[in-house]
Amino acid sequence: QVTIVESGGGVVQPGGSLRLSCAASGIGDVWYIIGWYRQAPGKQREVVALINSGGGMEGEADFAKGRFTISGDNVKKMVYLQMNNLKVEDTADYYCCLSRFGEDYWGRGTQVTVSS
């Protein structure tokens, strides 16, 4: 059974930083894509950044470039999202998603609020 658990959200002032963590279990030793999505109030869920189990980038939103860094540890089955220079518009629920064999597994999300 695949389990995805996010952590690290919180409240931060504009210009601040947060590091989100995602722990995946039950994956097995297979190829997968894992990464972060976000959903702001009243908006659709959107991709933030994705990597594959080999550590290669699979996608990154324009808003993330230069501010957010995704990284992963395939041994520990962890993926991280370092977010710097946060803006009010980054306020959203952030979700970790793992894709394997054509199926997607989602965590429950962690809330990020950027506010002065």
N, C-alpha and C. Protein backbone atom coordinates (compact mmCIF):
# COMPACT_ATOMS: atom_id res chain seq x y z
N GLN A 1 0.85 -1.18 0.00
CA GLN A 1 0.00 0.00 0.00
C GLN A 1 0.89 1.25 0.00
N VAL A 2 0.65 2.13 -0.97
CA VAL A 2 1.44 3.35 -1.07
C VAL A 2 0.86 4.40 -0.12
N THR A 3 1.74 5.01 0.64
CA THR A 3 1.34 6.08 1.56
C THR A 3 2.21 7.30 1.31
N ILE A 4 1.56 8.45 1.25
CA ILE A 4 2.25 9.72 1.00
C ILE A 4 1.91 10.67 2.16
N VAL A 5 2.92 11.21 2.80
CA VAL A 5 2.69 12.11 3.93
C VAL A 5 3.57 13.35 3.77
N GLU A 6 2.90 14.51 3.77
CA GLU A 6 3.62 15.78 3.66
C GLU A 6 3.79 16.41 5.03
N SER A 7 4.81 17.26 5.13
CA SER A 7 5.02 18.03 6.35
C SER A 7 5.81 19.28 6.00
N GLY A 8 5.83 20.23 6.93
CA GLY A 8 6.67 21.40 6.77
C GLY A 8 5.96 22.69 6.45
N GLY A 9 4.65 22.64 6.27
CA GLY A 9 3.93 23.87 5.98
C GLY A 9 3.87 24.78 7.19
N GLY A 10 3.36 25.98 6.98
CA GLY A 10 3.25 26.91 8.08
C GLY A 10 2.96 28.31 7.59
N VAL A 11 3.12 29.25 8.50
CA VAL A 11 2.90 30.66 8.19
C VAL A 11 4.25 31.36 8.14
N VAL A 12 4.46 32.12 7.10
CA VAL A 12 5.73 32.81 6.91
C VAL A 12 5.47 34.19 6.31
N GLN A 13 6.34 35.11 6.59
CA GLN A 13 6.20 36.45 6.02
C GLN A 13 6.72 36.49 4.60
N PRO A 14 6.24 37.43 3.80
CA PRO A 14 6.78 37.58 2.44
C PRO A 14 8.30 37.73 2.48
N GLY A 15 8.95 37.04 1.57
CA GLY A 15 10.41 37.02 1.54
C GLY A 15 11.03 35.90 2.35
N GLY A 16 10.21 35.21 3.12
CA GLY A 16 10.72 34.13 3.96
C GLY A 16 10.87 32.83 3.21
N SER A 17 11.25 31.79 3.95
CA SER A 17 11.50 30.47 3.37
C SER A 17 10.79 29.38 4.15
N LEU A 18 10.49 28.32 3.46
CA LEU A 18 9.95 27.11 4.07
C LEU A 18 10.51 25.91 3.31
N ARG A 19 10.62 24.81 4.02
CA ARG A 19 11.03 23.55 3.38
C ARG A 19 9.95 22.51 3.63
N LEU A 20 9.35 22.04 2.57
CA LEU A 20 8.35 20.99 2.66
C LEU A 20 9.02 19.63 2.47
N SER A 21 8.50 18.66 3.18
CA SER A 21 9.00 17.29 3.06
C SER A 21 7.85 16.36 2.71
N CYS A 22 8.19 15.33 1.96
CA CYS A 22 7.19 14.32 1.59
C CYS A 22 7.82 12.96 1.77
N ALA A 23 7.16 12.14 2.57
CA ALA A 23 7.63 10.78 2.81
C ALA A 23 6.71 9.80 2.09
N ALA A 24 7.30 8.97 1.25
CA ALA A 24 6.54 7.97 0.51
C ALA A 24 6.94 6.58 0.98
N SER A 25 5.97 5.73 1.12
CA SER A 25 6.25 4.36 1.52
C SER A 25 5.38 3.40 0.72
N GLY A 26 5.81 2.15 0.69
CA GLY A 26 5.06 1.13 -0.04
C GLY A 26 5.24 1.19 -1.54
N ILE A 27 6.30 1.89 -1.99
CA ILE A 27 6.48 2.08 -3.44
C ILE A 27 7.08 0.85 -4.10
N GLY A 28 8.05 0.26 -3.47
CA GLY A 28 8.81 -0.80 -4.11
C GLY A 28 9.97 -0.20 -4.90
N ASP A 29 10.80 -1.06 -5.43
CA ASP A 29 11.98 -0.61 -6.17
C ASP A 29 11.62 -0.48 -7.64
N VAL A 30 10.89 0.57 -7.95
CA VAL A 30 10.39 0.78 -9.31
C VAL A 30 10.62 2.22 -9.71
N TRP A 31 10.44 2.47 -10.99
CA TRP A 31 10.53 3.83 -11.53
C TRP A 31 9.26 4.59 -11.16
N TYR A 32 9.45 5.83 -10.75
CA TYR A 32 8.28 6.65 -10.42
C TYR A 32 8.62 8.11 -10.64
N ILE A 33 7.58 8.89 -10.68
CA ILE A 33 7.70 10.35 -10.70
C ILE A 33 7.03 10.85 -9.44
N ILE A 34 7.67 11.80 -8.80
CA ILE A 34 7.12 12.34 -7.56
C ILE A 34 7.34 13.84 -7.53
N GLY A 35 6.45 14.53 -6.90
CA GLY A 35 6.64 15.97 -6.84
C GLY A 35 5.52 16.68 -6.13
N TRP A 36 5.51 17.98 -6.35
CA TRP A 36 4.63 18.86 -5.63
C TRP A 36 3.64 19.57 -6.54
N TYR A 37 2.43 19.66 -6.04
CA TYR A 37 1.37 20.45 -6.64
C TYR A 37 0.88 21.42 -5.57
N ARG A 38 0.15 22.41 -6.00
CA ARG A 38 -0.46 23.31 -5.03
C ARG A 38 -1.83 23.74 -5.51
N GLN A 39 -2.65 24.10 -4.54
CA GLN A 39 -3.99 24.59 -4.85
C GLN A 39 -4.32 25.75 -3.94
N ALA A 40 -4.47 26.90 -4.54
CA ALA A 40 -4.85 28.10 -3.79
C ALA A 40 -6.36 28.17 -3.70
N PRO A 41 -6.88 28.87 -2.72
CA PRO A 41 -8.34 28.99 -2.58
C PRO A 41 -8.98 29.52 -3.85
N GLY A 42 -9.99 28.79 -4.33
CA GLY A 42 -10.72 29.21 -5.52
C GLY A 42 -10.02 28.96 -6.83
N LYS A 43 -8.88 28.27 -6.78
CA LYS A 43 -8.12 28.02 -8.00
C LYS A 43 -7.92 26.52 -8.20
N GLN A 44 -7.55 26.17 -9.42
CA GLN A 44 -7.28 24.76 -9.72
C GLN A 44 -5.91 24.35 -9.21
N ARG A 45 -5.78 23.07 -8.97
CA ARG A 45 -4.50 22.53 -8.56
C ARG A 45 -3.51 22.66 -9.72
N GLU A 46 -2.27 23.03 -9.39
CA GLU A 46 -1.27 23.21 -10.43
C GLU A 46 0.05 22.57 -10.02
N VAL A 47 0.81 22.21 -11.02
CA VAL A 47 2.12 21.62 -10.78
C VAL A 47 3.07 22.67 -10.25
N VAL A 48 3.88 22.27 -9.27
CA VAL A 48 4.96 23.12 -8.79
C VAL A 48 6.28 22.60 -9.38
N ALA A 49 6.62 21.37 -9.06
CA ALA A 49 7.85 20.76 -9.58
C ALA A 49 7.78 19.25 -9.41
N LEU A 50 8.38 18.53 -10.37
CA LEU A 50 8.36 17.07 -10.36
C LEU A 50 9.76 16.54 -10.66
N ILE A 51 10.10 15.43 -10.01
CA ILE A 51 11.34 14.74 -10.33
C ILE A 51 11.04 13.25 -10.48
N ASN A 52 11.96 12.52 -11.10
CA ASN A 52 11.78 11.08 -11.20
C ASN A 52 12.67 10.38 -10.18
N SER A 53 12.53 9.09 -10.11
CA SER A 53 13.25 8.33 -9.08
C SER A 53 14.76 8.33 -9.32
N GLY A 54 15.17 8.72 -10.53
CA GLY A 54 16.59 8.85 -10.81
C GLY A 54 17.12 10.23 -10.47
N GLY A 55 16.25 11.11 -10.01
CA GLY A 55 16.66 12.46 -9.63
C GLY A 55 16.56 13.48 -10.74
N GLY A 56 16.09 13.07 -11.91
CA GLY A 56 15.98 14.00 -13.03
C GLY A 56 14.70 14.81 -12.96
N MET A 57 14.77 16.02 -13.45
CA MET A 57 13.59 16.88 -13.45
C MET A 57 12.57 16.40 -14.46
N GLU A 58 11.32 16.46 -14.05
CA GLU A 58 10.23 16.07 -14.93
C GLU A 58 9.31 17.26 -15.24
N GLY A 59 9.53 18.33 -14.55
CA GLY A 59 8.70 19.51 -14.81
C GLY A 59 8.84 20.52 -13.70
N GLU A 60 8.64 21.78 -14.07
CA GLU A 60 8.74 22.85 -13.08
C GLU A 60 7.92 24.02 -13.57
N ALA A 61 7.12 24.58 -12.72
CA ALA A 61 6.32 25.74 -13.09
C ALA A 61 7.20 26.98 -13.20
N ASP A 62 6.78 27.88 -14.05
CA ASP A 62 7.56 29.12 -14.22
C ASP A 62 7.69 29.89 -12.91
N PHE A 63 6.62 29.88 -12.11
CA PHE A 63 6.67 30.65 -10.86
C PHE A 63 7.66 30.07 -9.86
N ALA A 64 8.02 28.79 -10.06
CA ALA A 64 8.94 28.14 -9.14
C ALA A 64 10.41 28.37 -9.49
N LYS A 65 10.64 28.67 -10.74
CA LYS A 65 12.03 28.80 -11.20
C LYS A 65 12.74 29.95 -10.50
N GLY A 66 13.90 29.63 -9.96
CA GLY A 66 14.70 30.64 -9.28
C GLY A 66 14.34 30.84 -7.82
N ARG A 67 13.20 30.32 -7.38
CA ARG A 67 12.78 30.47 -5.98
C ARG A 67 12.61 29.15 -5.27
N PHE A 68 12.11 28.14 -5.97
CA PHE A 68 11.84 26.84 -5.36
C PHE A 68 12.83 25.82 -5.90
N THR A 69 13.23 24.90 -5.04
CA THR A 69 14.13 23.82 -5.44
C THR A 69 13.56 22.50 -4.96
N ILE A 70 13.37 21.58 -5.89
CA ILE A 70 12.91 20.24 -5.53
C ILE A 70 14.11 19.31 -5.48
N SER A 71 14.11 18.43 -4.51
CA SER A 71 15.18 17.43 -4.39
C SER A 71 14.59 16.15 -3.82
N GLY A 72 15.29 15.06 -4.05
CA GLY A 72 14.77 13.79 -3.59
C GLY A 72 15.85 12.87 -3.10
N ASP A 73 15.46 11.93 -2.29
CA ASP A 73 16.33 10.87 -1.78
C ASP A 73 15.63 9.56 -2.08
N ASN A 74 16.10 8.87 -3.12
CA ASN A 74 15.42 7.65 -3.55
C ASN A 74 15.61 6.51 -2.56
N VAL A 75 16.65 6.56 -1.76
CA VAL A 75 16.87 5.51 -0.76
C VAL A 75 15.85 5.65 0.36
N LYS A 76 15.69 6.88 0.82
CA LYS A 76 14.74 7.14 1.90
C LYS A 76 13.32 7.34 1.40
N LYS A 77 13.17 7.44 0.09
CA LYS A 77 11.86 7.68 -0.53
C LYS A 77 11.27 9.00 0.03
N MET A 78 12.11 10.02 -0.02
CA MET A 78 11.71 11.34 0.43
C MET A 78 11.87 12.32 -0.73
N VAL A 79 11.02 13.33 -0.74
CA VAL A 79 11.19 14.44 -1.67
C VAL A 79 10.95 15.73 -0.91
N TYR A 80 11.72 16.74 -1.26
CA TYR A 80 11.69 17.99 -0.54
C TYR A 80 11.41 19.14 -1.50
N LEU A 81 10.85 20.19 -0.95
CA LEU A 81 10.65 21.41 -1.72
C LEU A 81 11.14 22.58 -0.88
N GLN A 82 12.27 23.12 -1.25
CA GLN A 82 12.80 24.30 -0.59
C GLN A 82 12.22 25.53 -1.29
N MET A 83 11.52 26.34 -0.53
CA MET A 83 10.86 27.51 -1.10
C MET A 83 11.47 28.76 -0.48
N ASN A 84 12.05 29.58 -1.31
CA ASN A 84 12.67 30.82 -0.86
C ASN A 84 11.94 32.02 -1.46
N ASN A 85 12.16 33.16 -0.85
CA ASN A 85 11.56 34.41 -1.34
C ASN A 85 10.06 34.23 -1.58
N LEU A 86 9.40 33.70 -0.59
CA LEU A 86 7.97 33.41 -0.73
C LEU A 86 7.16 34.70 -0.89
N LYS A 87 6.11 34.58 -1.69
CA LYS A 87 5.23 35.70 -1.98
C LYS A 87 3.82 35.39 -1.47
N VAL A 88 3.04 36.42 -1.29
CA VAL A 88 1.66 36.22 -0.81
C VAL A 88 0.92 35.26 -1.74
N GLU A 89 1.20 35.36 -3.02
CA GLU A 89 0.50 34.51 -4.00
C GLU A 89 0.95 33.05 -3.95
N ASP A 90 1.94 32.73 -3.15
CA ASP A 90 2.33 31.34 -2.94
C ASP A 90 1.46 30.66 -1.89
N THR A 91 0.60 31.41 -1.26
CA THR A 91 -0.32 30.84 -0.27
C THR A 91 -1.20 29.78 -0.93
N ALA A 92 -1.16 28.57 -0.39
CA ALA A 92 -1.91 27.46 -0.99
C ALA A 92 -1.74 26.23 -0.12
N ASP A 93 -2.53 25.23 -0.44
CA ASP A 93 -2.28 23.89 0.10
C ASP A 93 -1.33 23.20 -0.87
N TYR A 94 -0.28 22.63 -0.33
CA TYR A 94 0.73 21.98 -1.15
C TYR A 94 0.60 20.47 -0.98
N TYR A 95 0.53 19.78 -2.11
CA TYR A 95 0.33 18.34 -2.11
C TYR A 95 1.51 17.63 -2.76
N CYS A 96 1.83 16.50 -2.20
CA CYS A 96 2.83 15.62 -2.80
C CYS A 96 2.10 14.52 -3.55
N CYS A 97 2.58 14.21 -4.72
CA CYS A 97 1.95 13.18 -5.54
C CYS A 97 3.02 12.27 -6.13
N LEU A 98 2.78 10.97 -6.04
CA LEU A 98 3.67 9.99 -6.65
C LEU A 98 2.92 9.26 -7.74
N SER A 99 3.54 9.16 -8.89
CA SER A 99 2.95 8.45 -10.03
C SER A 99 3.77 7.21 -10.33
N ARG A 100 3.07 6.08 -10.39
CA ARG A 100 3.74 4.79 -10.60
C ARG A 100 2.79 3.89 -11.34
N PHE A 101 3.29 3.28 -12.40
CA PHE A 101 2.47 2.35 -13.20
C PHE A 101 1.15 2.98 -13.62
N GLY A 102 1.18 4.26 -13.95
CA GLY A 102 -0.02 4.92 -14.43
C GLY A 102 -1.00 5.31 -13.34
N GLU A 103 -0.66 5.10 -12.10
CA GLU A 103 -1.54 5.49 -11.00
C GLU A 103 -0.91 6.62 -10.20
N ASP A 104 -1.76 7.49 -9.69
CA ASP A 104 -1.31 8.62 -8.87
C ASP A 104 -1.70 8.39 -7.41
N TYR A 105 -0.77 8.72 -6.54
CA TYR A 105 -1.00 8.60 -5.10
C TYR A 105 -0.74 9.97 -4.48
N TRP A 106 -1.75 10.45 -3.77
CA TRP A 106 -1.69 11.80 -3.21
C TRP A 106 -1.62 11.78 -1.69
N GLY A 107 -0.90 12.76 -1.17
CA GLY A 107 -0.96 13.00 0.26
C GLY A 107 -2.13 13.90 0.59
N ARG A 108 -2.29 14.18 1.86
CA ARG A 108 -3.39 15.02 2.29
C ARG A 108 -3.09 16.51 2.20
N GLY A 109 -1.85 16.83 1.98
CA GLY A 109 -1.47 18.22 1.79
C GLY A 109 -0.97 18.89 3.05
N THR A 110 -0.25 19.96 2.85
CA THR A 110 0.22 20.78 3.95
C THR A 110 0.01 22.25 3.56
N GLN A 111 -0.46 23.02 4.50
CA GLN A 111 -0.86 24.38 4.19
C GLN A 111 0.31 25.35 4.33
N VAL A 112 0.45 26.21 3.34
CA VAL A 112 1.45 27.27 3.37
C VAL A 112 0.73 28.61 3.28
N THR A 113 0.98 29.45 4.25
CA THR A 113 0.39 30.78 4.26
C THR A 113 1.49 31.82 4.30
N VAL A 114 1.48 32.70 3.32
CA VAL A 114 2.46 33.77 3.26
C VAL A 114 1.72 35.08 3.53
N SER A 115 2.04 35.67 4.65
CA SER A 115 1.29 36.85 5.06
C SER A 115 2.14 37.72 5.97
N SER A 116 1.94 39.01 5.85
CA SER A 116 2.65 39.94 6.73
C SER A 116 1.79 40.24 7.96
